[in-house]
Amino acid sequence: MRNTGAALLSAAILSLAALASPVAAQHAHDHARRADSDTAYASMQTRGESAMGVDQYTSAHQFEDLPDGGRIELQRDSTDSAGVAEIRAHLQSIAKAFAQGDFDVPGFVHAGPVPGTEVMRERRDRITYRFHPLPGGGEVRIGTADTTAGRAVHEFLAFQRREHRVETPATPQ
């Protein structure tokens, strides 16, 4: 039998997301369904909200491999100006921390070591991290010409996709 508190939380999330957009509503529905049955996932989402300052159930992540690195995208309904500002501040902070070899935030969110970060830390002078604003938040573009660093970036992004349970974005033409 389903927990009444979880059912109420799921209903509230779905109602709020439906006001934002159909895509956000589907994203929130998927997150709410997972939280009902997966306490580890729900705990990660709670830690993510604490670290990022925005509700993880009403925000959408993307982690994309690119030939010269990759990108981390986080967005939410663009009419939520406070949430968008929080995302942008968080991503700017992440870009700066990663450039210094500091991967404490992903370690906190995922409650342990994150694959790829040790090599990314060791080769930080061969990797760039650039923040770019997007309508509902922003992205951190990760760039490197170093093949070892590039493999570590892809390992890091693959782990993030698995943990956050997001689909791999289509490869740009």
N, C-alpha and C. Protein backbone atom coordinates (compact mmCIF):
# COMPACT_ATOMS: atom_id res chain seq x y z
N MET A 1 0.84 -1.18 0.00
CA MET A 1 0.00 0.00 0.00
C MET A 1 0.89 1.25 0.00
N ARG A 2 0.50 2.25 -0.73
CA ARG A 2 1.28 3.45 -0.92
C ARG A 2 1.17 4.39 0.28
N ASN A 3 2.28 4.99 0.64
CA ASN A 3 2.33 5.93 1.75
C ASN A 3 1.50 7.17 1.43
N THR A 4 0.61 7.58 2.32
CA THR A 4 -0.27 8.72 2.09
C THR A 4 0.53 10.01 1.92
N GLY A 5 1.56 10.21 2.72
CA GLY A 5 2.40 11.40 2.59
C GLY A 5 3.07 11.47 1.23
N ALA A 6 3.59 10.34 0.76
CA ALA A 6 4.22 10.30 -0.56
C ALA A 6 3.20 10.58 -1.65
N ALA A 7 1.99 10.08 -1.49
CA ALA A 7 0.94 10.31 -2.48
C ALA A 7 0.59 11.80 -2.54
N LEU A 8 0.48 12.44 -1.38
CA LEU A 8 0.19 13.87 -1.35
C LEU A 8 1.31 14.68 -1.97
N LEU A 9 2.57 14.31 -1.66
CA LEU A 9 3.72 14.98 -2.24
C LEU A 9 3.70 14.83 -3.75
N SER A 10 3.45 13.63 -4.24
CA SER A 10 3.40 13.40 -5.69
C SER A 10 2.33 14.26 -6.34
N ALA A 11 1.15 14.33 -5.74
CA ALA A 11 0.06 15.12 -6.30
C ALA A 11 0.43 16.60 -6.33
N ALA A 12 1.06 17.08 -5.29
CA ALA A 12 1.47 18.49 -5.24
C ALA A 12 2.51 18.79 -6.31
N ILE A 13 3.46 17.91 -6.47
CA ILE A 13 4.51 18.10 -7.48
C ILE A 13 3.89 18.15 -8.87
N LEU A 14 3.02 17.21 -9.15
CA LEU A 14 2.37 17.17 -10.46
C LEU A 14 1.54 18.41 -10.72
N SER A 15 0.83 18.90 -9.72
CA SER A 15 0.01 20.09 -9.88
C SER A 15 0.86 21.32 -10.18
N LEU A 16 1.93 21.49 -9.44
CA LEU A 16 2.82 22.63 -9.67
C LEU A 16 3.49 22.55 -11.03
N ALA A 17 3.93 21.38 -11.40
CA ALA A 17 4.62 21.23 -12.68
C ALA A 17 3.68 21.46 -13.85
N ALA A 18 2.44 21.05 -13.72
CA ALA A 18 1.47 21.23 -14.80
C ALA A 18 1.26 22.71 -15.09
N LEU A 19 1.41 23.54 -14.08
CA LEU A 19 1.28 24.98 -14.28
C LEU A 19 2.45 25.54 -15.08
N ALA A 20 3.61 24.89 -14.98
CA ALA A 20 4.83 25.40 -15.63
C ALA A 20 4.82 25.11 -17.12
N SER A 21 4.75 23.85 -17.52
CA SER A 21 4.76 23.48 -18.92
C SER A 21 4.52 21.99 -19.04
N PRO A 22 4.07 21.52 -20.21
CA PRO A 22 3.87 20.08 -20.38
C PRO A 22 5.15 19.28 -20.17
N VAL A 23 6.28 19.79 -20.64
CA VAL A 23 7.55 19.07 -20.47
C VAL A 23 7.92 19.00 -19.00
N ALA A 24 7.78 20.11 -18.28
CA ALA A 24 8.08 20.12 -16.85
C ALA A 24 7.12 19.19 -16.11
N ALA A 25 5.86 19.16 -16.54
CA ALA A 25 4.88 18.29 -15.90
C ALA A 25 5.27 16.83 -16.05
N GLN A 26 5.70 16.43 -17.25
CA GLN A 26 6.13 15.04 -17.46
C GLN A 26 7.37 14.74 -16.64
N HIS A 27 8.32 15.67 -16.61
CA HIS A 27 9.54 15.50 -15.83
C HIS A 27 9.20 15.32 -14.35
N ALA A 28 8.30 16.17 -13.83
CA ALA A 28 7.92 16.07 -12.43
C ALA A 28 7.18 14.77 -12.15
N HIS A 29 6.33 14.35 -13.09
CA HIS A 29 5.62 13.07 -12.93
C HIS A 29 6.61 11.93 -12.80
N ASP A 30 7.62 11.90 -13.68
CA ASP A 30 8.63 10.84 -13.63
C ASP A 30 9.37 10.86 -12.30
N HIS A 31 9.76 12.05 -11.85
CA HIS A 31 10.46 12.16 -10.57
C HIS A 31 9.58 11.73 -9.40
N ALA A 32 8.33 12.16 -9.40
CA ALA A 32 7.43 11.80 -8.30
C ALA A 32 7.22 10.30 -8.24
N ARG A 33 7.07 9.66 -9.40
CA ARG A 33 6.88 8.21 -9.44
C ARG A 33 8.11 7.52 -8.87
N ARG A 34 9.29 7.98 -9.22
CA ARG A 34 10.52 7.37 -8.72
C ARG A 34 10.67 7.56 -7.22
N ALA A 35 10.33 8.75 -6.72
CA ALA A 35 10.49 9.04 -5.30
C ALA A 35 9.60 8.17 -4.45
N ASP A 36 8.41 7.82 -4.98
CA ASP A 36 7.49 6.97 -4.24
C ASP A 36 8.09 5.60 -3.97
N SER A 37 8.92 5.11 -4.87
CA SER A 37 9.40 3.72 -4.76
C SER A 37 10.90 3.59 -4.54
N ASP A 38 11.64 4.67 -4.51
CA ASP A 38 13.09 4.58 -4.43
C ASP A 38 13.62 5.61 -3.45
N THR A 39 13.84 5.18 -2.21
CA THR A 39 14.27 6.12 -1.18
C THR A 39 15.69 6.65 -1.42
N ALA A 40 16.56 5.85 -2.04
CA ALA A 40 17.92 6.32 -2.35
C ALA A 40 17.86 7.47 -3.35
N TYR A 41 17.01 7.32 -4.35
CA TYR A 41 16.84 8.38 -5.35
C TYR A 41 16.26 9.63 -4.68
N ALA A 42 15.26 9.46 -3.86
CA ALA A 42 14.64 10.58 -3.16
C ALA A 42 15.66 11.29 -2.27
N SER A 43 16.51 10.53 -1.60
CA SER A 43 17.55 11.13 -0.76
C SER A 43 18.54 11.93 -1.59
N MET A 44 18.93 11.39 -2.76
CA MET A 44 19.83 12.13 -3.65
C MET A 44 19.17 13.43 -4.09
N GLN A 45 17.88 13.38 -4.42
CA GLN A 45 17.16 14.58 -4.85
C GLN A 45 17.13 15.62 -3.73
N THR A 46 16.95 15.19 -2.50
CA THR A 46 16.94 16.10 -1.36
C THR A 46 18.31 16.75 -1.18
N ARG A 47 19.37 15.94 -1.28
CA ARG A 47 20.72 16.50 -1.17
C ARG A 47 20.98 17.46 -2.33
N GLY A 48 20.49 17.13 -3.52
CA GLY A 48 20.65 18.00 -4.68
C GLY A 48 19.97 19.35 -4.46
N GLU A 49 18.77 19.32 -3.89
CA GLU A 49 18.07 20.58 -3.62
C GLU A 49 18.86 21.41 -2.62
N SER A 50 19.41 20.76 -1.61
CA SER A 50 20.21 21.47 -0.62
C SER A 50 21.44 22.11 -1.26
N ALA A 51 22.11 21.39 -2.15
CA ALA A 51 23.34 21.88 -2.78
C ALA A 51 23.06 22.93 -3.85
N MET A 52 21.94 22.77 -4.58
CA MET A 52 21.68 23.62 -5.74
C MET A 52 20.70 24.75 -5.48
N GLY A 53 19.94 24.64 -4.41
CA GLY A 53 19.02 25.70 -4.07
C GLY A 53 17.69 25.67 -4.80
N VAL A 54 17.44 24.62 -5.61
CA VAL A 54 16.16 24.51 -6.32
C VAL A 54 15.63 23.10 -6.18
N ASP A 55 14.32 22.99 -6.25
CA ASP A 55 13.64 21.71 -6.17
C ASP A 55 14.06 20.85 -7.36
N GLN A 56 14.64 19.71 -7.08
CA GLN A 56 15.11 18.81 -8.13
C GLN A 56 13.98 18.17 -8.91
N TYR A 57 12.80 18.09 -8.30
CA TYR A 57 11.66 17.47 -8.96
C TYR A 57 11.02 18.38 -10.00
N THR A 58 11.29 19.67 -9.92
CA THR A 58 10.72 20.61 -10.88
C THR A 58 11.79 21.24 -11.75
N SER A 59 12.97 20.65 -11.77
CA SER A 59 14.09 21.10 -12.59
C SER A 59 14.54 19.94 -13.47
N ALA A 60 15.12 20.26 -14.60
CA ALA A 60 15.55 19.20 -15.53
C ALA A 60 17.05 19.30 -15.79
N HIS A 61 17.74 18.18 -15.57
CA HIS A 61 19.17 18.06 -15.86
C HIS A 61 19.38 17.43 -17.23
N GLN A 62 20.48 17.78 -17.86
CA GLN A 62 21.00 17.06 -19.02
C GLN A 62 22.51 16.97 -18.84
N PHE A 63 23.07 15.84 -19.22
CA PHE A 63 24.52 15.62 -19.14
C PHE A 63 24.92 15.06 -20.50
N GLU A 64 25.59 15.86 -21.30
CA GLU A 64 25.86 15.49 -22.69
C GLU A 64 27.35 15.33 -22.95
N ASP A 65 27.73 14.19 -23.51
CA ASP A 65 29.10 13.99 -23.98
C ASP A 65 29.27 14.74 -25.29
N LEU A 66 30.41 15.41 -25.43
CA LEU A 66 30.78 16.07 -26.68
C LEU A 66 32.18 15.60 -27.05
N PRO A 67 32.55 15.66 -28.32
CA PRO A 67 33.88 15.17 -28.72
C PRO A 67 35.03 15.81 -27.95
N ASP A 68 34.86 17.08 -27.56
CA ASP A 68 35.93 17.79 -26.83
C ASP A 68 35.58 18.01 -25.37
N GLY A 69 34.72 17.16 -24.80
CA GLY A 69 34.34 17.28 -23.39
C GLY A 69 32.88 16.96 -23.18
N GLY A 70 32.13 17.97 -22.78
CA GLY A 70 30.71 17.74 -22.56
C GLY A 70 30.04 18.97 -22.00
N ARG A 71 28.80 18.77 -21.55
CA ARG A 71 28.05 19.88 -20.97
C ARG A 71 27.08 19.37 -19.92
N ILE A 72 26.89 20.21 -18.90
CA ILE A 72 25.91 19.97 -17.84
C ILE A 72 24.88 21.08 -17.98
N GLU A 73 23.63 20.70 -18.12
CA GLU A 73 22.56 21.68 -18.25
C GLU A 73 21.56 21.49 -17.11
N LEU A 74 21.10 22.59 -16.55
CA LEU A 74 20.06 22.55 -15.53
C LEU A 74 19.09 23.69 -15.82
N GLN A 75 17.81 23.34 -15.99
CA GLN A 75 16.80 24.35 -16.29
C GLN A 75 15.51 24.03 -15.56
N ARG A 76 14.66 25.04 -15.47
CA ARG A 76 13.31 24.91 -14.92
C ARG A 76 12.45 25.91 -15.65
N ASP A 77 11.22 26.05 -15.26
CA ASP A 77 10.30 26.99 -15.90
C ASP A 77 10.94 28.39 -15.89
N SER A 78 11.09 28.97 -17.08
CA SER A 78 11.78 30.26 -17.19
C SER A 78 11.01 31.41 -16.53
N THR A 79 9.72 31.21 -16.20
CA THR A 79 8.97 32.28 -15.50
C THR A 79 9.27 32.30 -14.01
N ASP A 80 9.97 31.28 -13.52
CA ASP A 80 10.39 31.23 -12.12
C ASP A 80 11.73 31.96 -12.01
N SER A 81 11.69 33.28 -11.98
CA SER A 81 12.93 34.06 -12.02
C SER A 81 13.84 33.79 -10.83
N ALA A 82 13.27 33.55 -9.66
CA ALA A 82 14.11 33.25 -8.49
C ALA A 82 14.80 31.90 -8.67
N GLY A 83 14.07 30.89 -9.15
CA GLY A 83 14.65 29.58 -9.40
C GLY A 83 15.72 29.62 -10.48
N VAL A 84 15.47 30.37 -11.54
CA VAL A 84 16.45 30.51 -12.62
C VAL A 84 17.72 31.18 -12.08
N ALA A 85 17.56 32.21 -11.26
CA ALA A 85 18.71 32.89 -10.66
C ALA A 85 19.51 31.94 -9.77
N GLU A 86 18.83 31.09 -8.99
CA GLU A 86 19.50 30.09 -8.14
C GLU A 86 20.31 29.12 -8.99
N ILE A 87 19.70 28.63 -10.07
CA ILE A 87 20.39 27.70 -10.96
C ILE A 87 21.64 28.34 -11.54
N ARG A 88 21.50 29.57 -12.02
CA ARG A 88 22.65 30.25 -12.63
C ARG A 88 23.78 30.47 -11.62
N ALA A 89 23.42 30.87 -10.42
CA ALA A 89 24.45 31.06 -9.38
C ALA A 89 25.12 29.73 -9.06
N HIS A 90 24.33 28.67 -8.95
CA HIS A 90 24.88 27.34 -8.66
C HIS A 90 25.84 26.90 -9.77
N LEU A 91 25.41 27.02 -11.01
CA LEU A 91 26.26 26.55 -12.12
C LEU A 91 27.53 27.38 -12.25
N GLN A 92 27.45 28.67 -11.98
CA GLN A 92 28.67 29.50 -11.99
C GLN A 92 29.62 29.05 -10.88
N SER A 93 29.07 28.74 -9.72
CA SER A 93 29.88 28.26 -8.60
C SER A 93 30.52 26.91 -8.94
N ILE A 94 29.74 26.03 -9.58
CA ILE A 94 30.25 24.71 -9.97
C ILE A 94 31.39 24.85 -10.97
N ALA A 95 31.22 25.72 -11.96
CA ALA A 95 32.28 25.92 -12.96
C ALA A 95 33.58 26.37 -12.28
N LYS A 96 33.47 27.28 -11.35
CA LYS A 96 34.65 27.77 -10.64
C LYS A 96 35.27 26.67 -9.77
N ALA A 97 34.44 25.95 -9.02
CA ALA A 97 34.95 24.88 -8.15
C ALA A 97 35.61 23.77 -8.97
N PHE A 98 34.96 23.32 -10.05
CA PHE A 98 35.53 22.26 -10.87
C PHE A 98 36.88 22.69 -11.45
N ALA A 99 36.98 23.95 -11.89
CA ALA A 99 38.24 24.45 -12.45
C ALA A 99 39.37 24.40 -11.42
N GLN A 100 39.01 24.48 -10.14
CA GLN A 100 39.99 24.39 -9.06
C GLN A 100 40.22 22.96 -8.59
N GLY A 101 39.53 22.01 -9.23
CA GLY A 101 39.67 20.60 -8.85
C GLY A 101 38.81 20.21 -7.66
N ASP A 102 37.81 21.03 -7.35
CA ASP A 102 36.93 20.79 -6.20
C ASP A 102 35.63 20.15 -6.68
N PHE A 103 35.45 18.88 -6.36
CA PHE A 103 34.26 18.14 -6.75
C PHE A 103 33.46 17.71 -5.52
N ASP A 104 33.53 18.54 -4.46
CA ASP A 104 32.81 18.23 -3.23
C ASP A 104 31.29 18.20 -3.42
N VAL A 105 30.74 19.10 -4.25
CA VAL A 105 29.29 19.15 -4.42
C VAL A 105 28.76 17.85 -5.05
N PRO A 106 29.34 17.37 -6.16
CA PRO A 106 28.84 16.09 -6.67
C PRO A 106 29.02 14.95 -5.66
N GLY A 107 30.10 14.96 -4.92
CA GLY A 107 30.31 13.95 -3.88
C GLY A 107 29.23 14.00 -2.81
N PHE A 108 28.85 15.22 -2.42
CA PHE A 108 27.78 15.39 -1.43
C PHE A 108 26.43 14.92 -2.00
N VAL A 109 26.09 15.39 -3.21
CA VAL A 109 24.80 15.05 -3.81
C VAL A 109 24.67 13.53 -3.96
N HIS A 110 25.74 12.87 -4.38
CA HIS A 110 25.69 11.43 -4.64
C HIS A 110 26.17 10.60 -3.44
N ALA A 111 26.47 11.26 -2.33
CA ALA A 111 26.85 10.59 -1.08
C ALA A 111 28.04 9.66 -1.25
N GLY A 112 29.05 10.12 -2.00
CA GLY A 112 30.25 9.32 -2.17
C GLY A 112 31.05 9.77 -3.38
N PRO A 113 32.15 9.07 -3.62
CA PRO A 113 33.01 9.42 -4.76
C PRO A 113 32.25 9.32 -6.09
N VAL A 114 32.56 10.25 -7.00
CA VAL A 114 31.92 10.28 -8.31
C VAL A 114 32.96 9.89 -9.35
N PRO A 115 32.68 8.87 -10.15
CA PRO A 115 33.64 8.42 -11.18
C PRO A 115 34.09 9.57 -12.07
N GLY A 116 35.36 9.54 -12.42
CA GLY A 116 35.95 10.53 -13.31
C GLY A 116 36.54 11.73 -12.61
N THR A 117 36.09 12.03 -11.39
CA THR A 117 36.52 13.27 -10.76
C THR A 117 37.98 13.25 -10.31
N GLU A 118 38.51 12.09 -9.99
CA GLU A 118 39.92 12.05 -9.57
C GLU A 118 40.84 12.46 -10.74
N VAL A 119 40.58 11.93 -11.92
CA VAL A 119 41.37 12.31 -13.11
C VAL A 119 41.09 13.76 -13.48
N MET A 120 39.84 14.18 -13.37
CA MET A 120 39.51 15.57 -13.68
C MET A 120 40.24 16.51 -12.72
N ARG A 121 40.39 16.11 -11.47
CA ARG A 121 41.13 16.90 -10.48
C ARG A 121 42.61 16.95 -10.86
N GLU A 122 43.19 15.78 -11.17
CA GLU A 122 44.61 15.71 -11.52
C GLU A 122 44.94 16.49 -12.79
N ARG A 123 44.02 16.53 -13.73
CA ARG A 123 44.27 17.18 -15.03
C ARG A 123 43.49 18.49 -15.18
N ARG A 124 43.19 19.12 -14.05
CA ARG A 124 42.38 20.34 -14.09
C ARG A 124 42.98 21.44 -14.94
N ASP A 125 44.30 21.46 -15.07
CA ASP A 125 44.93 22.49 -15.90
C ASP A 125 44.74 22.21 -17.40
N ARG A 126 44.16 21.08 -17.75
CA ARG A 126 43.91 20.72 -19.16
C ARG A 126 42.42 20.74 -19.49
N ILE A 127 41.60 21.21 -18.56
CA ILE A 127 40.15 21.22 -18.74
C ILE A 127 39.63 22.63 -18.46
N THR A 128 38.70 23.08 -19.29
CA THR A 128 38.04 24.37 -19.05
C THR A 128 36.58 24.13 -18.68
N TYR A 129 36.04 25.02 -17.88
CA TYR A 129 34.64 24.98 -17.45
C TYR A 129 34.06 26.36 -17.68
N ARG A 130 33.10 26.47 -18.58
CA ARG A 130 32.52 27.77 -18.93
C ARG A 130 31.00 27.74 -18.71
N PHE A 131 30.52 28.70 -17.93
CA PHE A 131 29.09 28.85 -17.71
C PHE A 131 28.47 29.65 -18.85
N HIS A 132 27.27 29.24 -19.28
CA HIS A 132 26.47 29.97 -20.27
C HIS A 132 25.02 29.99 -19.77
N PRO A 133 24.39 31.18 -19.72
CA PRO A 133 22.98 31.22 -19.31
C PRO A 133 22.08 30.63 -20.40
N LEU A 134 21.00 30.00 -19.99
CA LEU A 134 19.95 29.51 -20.87
C LEU A 134 18.63 30.07 -20.35
N PRO A 135 17.57 30.06 -21.14
CA PRO A 135 16.31 30.69 -20.71
C PRO A 135 15.82 30.25 -19.33
N GLY A 136 15.92 28.97 -19.00
CA GLY A 136 15.41 28.48 -17.72
C GLY A 136 16.50 28.15 -16.74
N GLY A 137 17.72 28.61 -16.98
CA GLY A 137 18.83 28.30 -16.08
C GLY A 137 20.16 28.51 -16.76
N GLY A 138 20.86 27.40 -17.03
CA GLY A 138 22.16 27.55 -17.66
C GLY A 138 22.82 26.22 -17.92
N GLU A 139 24.05 26.33 -18.40
CA GLU A 139 24.86 25.15 -18.66
C GLU A 139 26.32 25.44 -18.31
N VAL A 140 27.03 24.37 -18.00
CA VAL A 140 28.48 24.44 -17.85
C VAL A 140 29.05 23.62 -18.99
N ARG A 141 29.79 24.28 -19.84
CA ARG A 141 30.44 23.61 -20.97
C ARG A 141 31.83 23.19 -20.52
N ILE A 142 32.13 21.91 -20.64
CA ILE A 142 33.42 21.35 -20.22
C ILE A 142 34.22 21.06 -21.47
N GLY A 143 35.42 21.62 -21.56
CA GLY A 143 36.24 21.45 -22.75
C GLY A 143 37.63 20.93 -22.42
N THR A 144 38.13 20.06 -23.29
CA THR A 144 39.50 19.56 -23.15
C THR A 144 39.97 18.98 -24.48
N ALA A 145 41.27 19.10 -24.73
CA ALA A 145 41.89 18.45 -25.88
C ALA A 145 42.66 17.22 -25.41
N ASP A 146 42.73 17.00 -24.12
CA ASP A 146 43.46 15.88 -23.53
C ASP A 146 42.57 14.64 -23.55
N THR A 147 43.00 13.57 -24.21
CA THR A 147 42.14 12.38 -24.34
C THR A 147 41.87 11.70 -23.00
N THR A 148 42.85 11.67 -22.11
CA THR A 148 42.63 11.06 -20.79
C THR A 148 41.61 11.87 -19.99
N ALA A 149 41.75 13.17 -20.02
CA ALA A 149 40.79 14.04 -19.33
C ALA A 149 39.41 13.90 -19.98
N GLY A 150 39.37 13.81 -21.29
CA GLY A 150 38.10 13.66 -22.00
C GLY A 150 37.38 12.38 -21.60
N ARG A 151 38.10 11.29 -21.47
CA ARG A 151 37.49 10.03 -21.01
C ARG A 151 36.93 10.18 -19.60
N ALA A 152 37.67 10.88 -18.74
CA ALA A 152 37.20 11.10 -17.37
C ALA A 152 35.94 11.96 -17.35
N VAL A 153 35.89 12.99 -18.18
CA VAL A 153 34.69 13.84 -18.28
C VAL A 153 33.50 12.99 -18.73
N HIS A 154 33.70 12.14 -19.72
CA HIS A 154 32.61 11.28 -20.20
C HIS A 154 32.17 10.27 -19.14
N GLU A 155 33.13 9.77 -18.36
CA GLU A 155 32.79 8.86 -17.26
C GLU A 155 31.95 9.59 -16.20
N PHE A 156 32.36 10.80 -15.88
CA PHE A 156 31.63 11.65 -14.93
C PHE A 156 30.20 11.91 -15.42
N LEU A 157 30.07 12.28 -16.69
CA LEU A 157 28.74 12.59 -17.24
C LEU A 157 27.86 11.35 -17.34
N ALA A 158 28.44 10.21 -17.69
CA ALA A 158 27.66 8.96 -17.75
C ALA A 158 27.12 8.60 -16.37
N PHE A 159 27.95 8.76 -15.35
CA PHE A 159 27.51 8.50 -13.98
C PHE A 159 26.35 9.43 -13.61
N GLN A 160 26.48 10.71 -13.95
CA GLN A 160 25.43 11.68 -13.65
C GLN A 160 24.12 11.29 -14.35
N ARG A 161 24.21 10.89 -15.61
CA ARG A 161 23.00 10.48 -16.34
C ARG A 161 22.33 9.30 -15.64
N ARG A 162 23.13 8.31 -15.25
CA ARG A 162 22.56 7.13 -14.57
C ARG A 162 21.92 7.52 -13.24
N GLU A 163 22.65 8.26 -12.43
CA GLU A 163 22.16 8.61 -11.10
C GLU A 163 20.92 9.50 -11.15
N HIS A 164 20.92 10.46 -12.06
CA HIS A 164 19.79 11.38 -12.18
C HIS A 164 18.70 10.82 -13.08
N ARG A 165 19.01 9.67 -13.68
CA ARG A 165 18.04 8.95 -14.53
C ARG A 165 17.49 9.82 -15.64
N VAL A 166 18.42 10.44 -16.37
CA VAL A 166 18.04 11.25 -17.52
C VAL A 166 18.50 10.56 -18.80
N GLU A 167 17.79 10.80 -19.86
CA GLU A 167 18.12 10.21 -21.15
C GLU A 167 19.32 10.95 -21.76
N THR A 168 20.05 10.23 -22.57
CA THR A 168 21.15 10.85 -23.30
C THR A 168 20.55 11.73 -24.38
N PRO A 169 20.96 13.01 -24.44
CA PRO A 169 20.40 13.89 -25.47
C PRO A 169 20.83 13.42 -26.87
N ALA A 170 20.03 13.76 -27.86
CA ALA A 170 20.37 13.42 -29.24
C ALA A 170 21.67 14.11 -29.63
N THR A 171 22.48 13.41 -30.40
CA THR A 171 23.75 13.98 -30.87
C THR A 171 23.46 15.08 -31.89
N PRO A 172 24.04 16.28 -31.71
CA PRO A 172 23.82 17.37 -32.66
C PRO A 172 24.39 17.00 -34.02
N GLN A 173 23.73 17.46 -35.06
CA GLN A 173 24.17 17.18 -36.43
C GLN A 173 25.27 18.11 -36.86
